[in-house]
Amino acid sequence: MCAAEFRKPIEILLVEDNPGDVDLAREALENSKIDNLLHAVGNGEEAMDFLLHKGKYADAPRPDLVLLDLNLPRKDGREVLAEIKSDEDLKRIPVVILTSSKDEEDILKAYNLHANCYITKPVDLTQFVKVVKSIEEFWFTIVKLPPKGGKK
């Protein structure tokens, strides 16, 4: 057996307050060729607790990718992005902004805060599923991600 057969599933953190979008993303990723585990939280505070292993997320895995909505309750996605990218242990985790905002100011601010990419959610359900599958394929079959725990 080759080493690839023993590869751990890809850990994805979805930060999304719309349960319908969470369900669609989960469905798109369940039918994927890539073994993955999707963890979903509904607001920015929970996202940071998950990433920093606080409270009920003390045993949460380190995600390989964060899919982040901008418009969230409690702590918005811009604040979450800023915190992730300013933290020495988290800043190398790729963060994909997946939001309904097409506002150029939001796009510019996200990239200024070091988002790895910015995607506007399609309104059409079929297109939304296609986008999620494209994100997964790009980030886990084409891109070489940094090793977990790498401090350099």
C-alpha atoms as a PDB file:
ATOM      1  CA  MET A   1       0.000   0.000   0.000  1.00  0.00           C
ATOM      2  CA  CYS A   2       1.254   3.473  -0.768  1.00  0.00           C
ATOM      3  CA  ALA A   3       1.496   6.326   1.738  1.00  0.00           C
ATOM      4  CA  ALA A   4      -1.331   8.231   0.039  1.00  0.00           C
ATOM      5  CA  GLU A   5      -3.767   5.519   1.092  1.00  0.00           C
ATOM      6  CA  PHE A   6      -3.088   6.388   4.743  1.00  0.00           C
ATOM      7  CA  ARG A   7      -3.570  10.134   4.311  1.00  0.00           C
ATOM      8  CA  LYS A   8      -5.756  11.792   6.932  1.00  0.00           C
ATOM      9  CA  PRO A   9      -8.931  13.524   5.791  1.00  0.00           C
ATOM     10  CA  ILE A  10      -8.696  17.210   4.927  1.00  0.00           C
ATOM     11  CA  GLU A  11     -10.064  19.359   7.775  1.00  0.00           C
ATOM     12  CA  ILE A  12     -12.242  22.276   6.626  1.00  0.00           C
ATOM     13  CA  LEU A  13     -13.709  24.940   8.896  1.00  0.00           C
ATOM     14  CA  LEU A  14     -16.783  26.636   7.444  1.00  0.00           C
ATOM     15  CA  VAL A  15     -17.731  29.867   9.222  1.00  0.00           C
ATOM     16  CA  GLU A  16     -21.274  30.528   8.021  1.00  0.00           C
ATOM     17  CA  ASP A  17     -24.433  31.718   9.782  1.00  0.00           C
ATOM     18  CA  ASN A  18     -26.855  30.585   7.052  1.00  0.00           C
ATOM     19  CA  PRO A  19     -27.877  26.964   7.786  1.00  0.00           C
ATOM     20  CA  GLY A  20     -28.952  26.487   4.150  1.00  0.00           C
ATOM     21  CA  ASP A  21     -25.470  27.385   2.887  1.00  0.00           C
ATOM     22  CA  VAL A  22     -23.908  25.071   5.488  1.00  0.00           C
ATOM     23  CA  ASP A  23     -26.121  22.212   4.265  1.00  0.00           C
ATOM     24  CA  LEU A  24     -25.254  22.910   0.622  1.00  0.00           C
ATOM     25  CA  ALA A  25     -21.526  23.019   1.362  1.00  0.00           C
ATOM     26  CA  ARG A  26     -21.769  19.813   3.386  1.00  0.00           C
ATOM     27  CA  GLU A  27     -23.634  18.101   0.540  1.00  0.00           C
ATOM     28  CA  ALA A  28     -21.111  19.279  -2.060  1.00  0.00           C
ATOM     29  CA  LEU A  29     -18.180  18.059   0.033  1.00  0.00           C
ATOM     30  CA  GLU A  30     -19.777  14.708   0.928  1.00  0.00           C
ATOM     31  CA  ASN A  31     -19.898  13.811  -2.756  1.00  0.00           C
ATOM     32  CA  SER A  32     -16.259  14.707  -3.232  1.00  0.00           C
ATOM     33  CA  LYS A  33     -13.409  12.514  -4.397  1.00  0.00           C
ATOM     34  CA  ILE A  34     -11.286  14.002  -1.613  1.00  0.00           C
ATOM     35  CA  ASP A  35     -11.692  12.615   1.901  1.00  0.00           C
ATOM     36  CA  ASN A  36     -12.644  15.572   4.093  1.00  0.00           C
ATOM     37  CA  LEU A  37     -14.215  16.540   7.384  1.00  0.00           C
ATOM     38  CA  LEU A  38     -16.321  19.696   7.411  1.00  0.00           C
ATOM     39  CA  HIS A  39     -16.668  21.553  10.698  1.00  0.00           C
ATOM     40  CA  ALA A  40     -19.194  24.394  10.722  1.00  0.00           C
ATOM     41  CA  VAL A  41     -19.605  27.254  13.176  1.00  0.00           C
ATOM     42  CA  GLY A  42     -22.229  29.980  12.985  1.00  0.00           C
ATOM     43  CA  ASN A  43     -20.443  33.119  14.124  1.00  0.00           C
ATOM     44  CA  GLY A  44     -17.049  34.770  14.386  1.00  0.00           C
ATOM     45  CA  GLU A  45     -16.605  34.166  18.109  1.00  0.00           C
ATOM     46  CA  GLU A  46     -17.128  30.429  17.634  1.00  0.00           C
ATOM     47  CA  ALA A  47     -14.670  30.481  14.733  1.00  0.00           C
ATOM     48  CA  MET A  48     -11.925  31.929  16.915  1.00  0.00           C
ATOM     49  CA  ASP A  49     -12.773  29.560  19.778  1.00  0.00           C
ATOM     50  CA  PHE A  50     -12.471  26.647  17.316  1.00  0.00           C
ATOM     51  CA  LEU A  51      -9.149  27.892  15.950  1.00  0.00           C
ATOM     52  CA  LEU A  52      -7.725  28.672  19.396  1.00  0.00           C
ATOM     53  CA  HIS A  53      -9.098  25.471  21.003  1.00  0.00           C
ATOM     54  CA  LYS A  54     -11.185  27.304  23.602  1.00  0.00           C
ATOM     55  CA  GLY A  55     -14.198  26.036  25.549  1.00  0.00           C
ATOM     56  CA  LYS A  56     -16.165  23.322  23.784  1.00  0.00           C
ATOM     57  CA  TYR A  57     -13.602  23.413  20.959  1.00  0.00           C
ATOM     58  CA  ALA A  58     -10.651  22.410  23.170  1.00  0.00           C
ATOM     59  CA  ASP A  59     -10.139  19.249  21.092  1.00  0.00           C
ATOM     60  CA  ALA A  60     -10.922  20.795  17.699  1.00  0.00           C
ATOM     61  CA  PRO A  61      -8.551  19.824  14.887  1.00  0.00           C
ATOM     62  CA  ARG A  62      -6.442  22.422  13.144  1.00  0.00           C
ATOM     63  CA  PRO A  63      -8.174  23.128   9.831  1.00  0.00           C
ATOM     64  CA  ASP A  64      -6.336  22.827   6.540  1.00  0.00           C
ATOM     65  CA  LEU A  65      -8.637  25.491   5.068  1.00  0.00           C
ATOM     66  CA  VAL A  66     -11.093  28.075   6.409  1.00  0.00           C
ATOM     67  CA  LEU A  67     -14.139  29.081   4.356  1.00  0.00           C
ATOM     68  CA  LEU A  68     -15.214  32.395   5.866  1.00  0.00           C
ATOM     69  CA  ASP A  69     -18.355  34.447   5.366  1.00  0.00           C
ATOM     70  CA  LEU A  70     -17.905  38.180   5.977  1.00  0.00           C
ATOM     71  CA  ASN A  71     -21.312  39.041   7.390  1.00  0.00           C
ATOM     72  CA  LEU A  72     -21.503  37.145  10.663  1.00  0.00           C
ATOM     73  CA  PRO A  73     -23.130  37.749  14.038  1.00  0.00           C
ATOM     74  CA  ARG A  74     -21.097  38.555  17.184  1.00  0.00           C
ATOM     75  CA  LYS A  75     -17.771  39.042  15.385  1.00  0.00           C
ATOM     76  CA  ASP A  76     -17.815  39.660  11.665  1.00  0.00           C
ATOM     77  CA  GLY A  77     -15.636  37.878   9.132  1.00  0.00           C
ATOM     78  CA  ARG A  78     -13.332  40.858   8.663  1.00  0.00           C
ATOM     79  CA  GLU A  79     -12.413  40.746  12.367  1.00  0.00           C
ATOM     80  CA  VAL A  80     -11.941  36.977  12.228  1.00  0.00           C
ATOM     81  CA  LEU A  81      -9.704  37.287   9.163  1.00  0.00           C
ATOM     82  CA  ALA A  82      -7.613  39.988  10.848  1.00  0.00           C
ATOM     83  CA  GLU A  83      -7.186  37.825  13.961  1.00  0.00           C
ATOM     84  CA  ILE A  84      -6.242  34.722  11.985  1.00  0.00           C
ATOM     85  CA  LYS A  85      -3.686  36.514   9.846  1.00  0.00           C
ATOM     86  CA  SER A  86      -2.106  38.320  12.821  1.00  0.00           C
ATOM     87  CA  ASP A  87      -1.676  35.112  14.861  1.00  0.00           C
ATOM     88  CA  GLU A  88       1.713  33.390  14.447  1.00  0.00           C
ATOM     89  CA  ASP A  89       0.199  29.910  14.743  1.00  0.00           C
ATOM     90  CA  LEU A  90      -2.800  30.490  12.456  1.00  0.00           C
ATOM     91  CA  LYS A  91      -1.628  32.875   9.739  1.00  0.00           C
ATOM     92  CA  ARG A  92      -0.532  30.153   7.306  1.00  0.00           C
ATOM     93  CA  ILE A  93      -3.967  28.506   7.238  1.00  0.00           C
ATOM     94  CA  PRO A  94      -5.508  29.469   3.887  1.00  0.00           C
ATOM     95  CA  VAL A  95      -8.648  31.557   4.314  1.00  0.00           C
ATOM     96  CA  VAL A  96     -11.119  31.668   1.443  1.00  0.00           C
ATOM     97  CA  ILE A  97     -13.722  34.408   1.725  1.00  0.00           C
ATOM     98  CA  LEU A  98     -17.042  32.921   0.596  1.00  0.00           C
ATOM     99  CA  THR A  99     -19.634  35.667   0.893  1.00  0.00           C
ATOM    100  CA  SER A 100     -22.605  37.280  -0.779  1.00  0.00           C
ATOM    101  CA  SER A 101     -20.885  40.691  -0.792  1.00  0.00           C
ATOM    102  CA  LYS A 102     -19.777  42.001  -4.190  1.00  0.00           C
ATOM    103  CA  ASP A 103     -18.732  45.314  -2.660  1.00  0.00           C
ATOM    104  CA  GLU A 104     -15.323  46.397  -3.995  1.00  0.00           C
ATOM    105  CA  GLU A 105     -14.436  47.840  -0.583  1.00  0.00           C
ATOM    106  CA  ASP A 106     -15.041  44.413   1.028  1.00  0.00           C
ATOM    107  CA  ILE A 107     -12.908  42.730  -1.621  1.00  0.00           C
ATOM    108  CA  LEU A 108     -10.051  45.204  -1.173  1.00  0.00           C
ATOM    109  CA  LYS A 109     -10.211  45.012   2.629  1.00  0.00           C
ATOM    110  CA  ALA A 110     -10.207  41.187   2.562  1.00  0.00           C
ATOM    111  CA  TYR A 111      -7.070  41.104   0.416  1.00  0.00           C
ATOM    112  CA  ASN A 112      -5.442  43.820   2.536  1.00  0.00           C
ATOM    113  CA  LEU A 113      -6.062  41.544   5.532  1.00  0.00           C
ATOM    114  CA  HIS A 114      -4.300  38.726   3.602  1.00  0.00           C
ATOM    115  CA  ALA A 115      -7.274  36.618   2.516  1.00  0.00           C
ATOM    116  CA  ASN A 116      -6.044  33.885   0.181  1.00  0.00           C
ATOM    117  CA  CYS A 117      -8.949  34.395  -2.194  1.00  0.00           C
ATOM    118  CA  TYR A 118     -12.357  36.048  -2.403  1.00  0.00           C
ATOM    119  CA  ILE A 119     -15.389  34.319  -3.896  1.00  0.00           C
ATOM    120  CA  THR A 120     -18.881  35.756  -4.188  1.00  0.00           C
ATOM    121  CA  LYS A 121     -21.503  33.119  -3.409  1.00  0.00           C
ATOM    122  CA  PRO A 122     -23.671  32.337  -6.397  1.00  0.00           C
ATOM    123  CA  VAL A 123     -27.402  32.665  -5.766  1.00  0.00           C
ATOM    124  CA  ASP A 124     -28.164  29.602  -7.900  1.00  0.00           C
ATOM    125  CA  LEU A 125     -27.979  26.380  -5.847  1.00  0.00           C
ATOM    126  CA  THR A 126     -26.316  24.324  -8.579  1.00  0.00           C
ATOM    127  CA  GLN A 127     -23.671  27.007  -9.063  1.00  0.00           C
ATOM    128  CA  PHE A 128     -23.088  27.207  -5.288  1.00  0.00           C
ATOM    129  CA  VAL A 129     -22.357  23.471  -5.144  1.00  0.00           C
ATOM    130  CA  LYS A 130     -20.072  23.829  -8.186  1.00  0.00           C
ATOM    131  CA  VAL A 131     -18.150  26.660  -6.494  1.00  0.00           C
ATOM    132  CA  VAL A 132     -17.637  24.646  -3.290  1.00  0.00           C
ATOM    133  CA  LYS A 133     -16.366  21.669  -5.281  1.00  0.00           C
ATOM    134  CA  SER A 134     -14.032  23.958  -7.239  1.00  0.00           C
ATOM    135  CA  ILE A 135     -12.633  25.421  -4.013  1.00  0.00           C
ATOM    136  CA  GLU A 136     -11.937  21.971  -2.668  1.00  0.00           C
ATOM    137  CA  GLU A 137     -10.370  20.700  -5.866  1.00  0.00           C
ATOM    138  CA  PHE A 138      -8.120  23.752  -6.220  1.00  0.00           C
ATOM    139  CA  TRP A 139      -6.947  23.904  -2.596  1.00  0.00           C
ATOM    140  CA  PHE A 140      -6.453  20.166  -2.108  1.00  0.00           C
ATOM    141  CA  THR A 141      -5.333  18.808  -5.470  1.00  0.00           C
ATOM    142  CA  ILE A 142      -3.473  21.710  -7.107  1.00  0.00           C
ATOM    143  CA  VAL A 143      -2.096  23.870  -4.277  1.00  0.00           C
ATOM    144  CA  LYS A 144       0.716  22.691  -2.004  1.00  0.00           C
ATOM    145  CA  LEU A 145      -0.325  23.633   1.550  1.00  0.00           C
ATOM    146  CA  PRO A 146       2.102  24.356   4.396  1.00  0.00           C
ATOM    147  CA  PRO A 147       2.631  21.498   6.855  1.00  0.00           C
ATOM    148  CA  LYS A 148       0.549  21.615  10.018  1.00  0.00           C
ATOM    149  CA  GLY A 149       2.414  23.025  12.953  1.00  0.00           C
ATOM    150  CA  GLY A 150       5.148  24.565  10.770  1.00  0.00           C
ATOM    151  CA  LYS A 151       6.431  27.614  12.667  1.00  0.00           C
ATOM    152  CA  LYS A 152       8.954  29.012  10.169  1.00  0.00           C
END
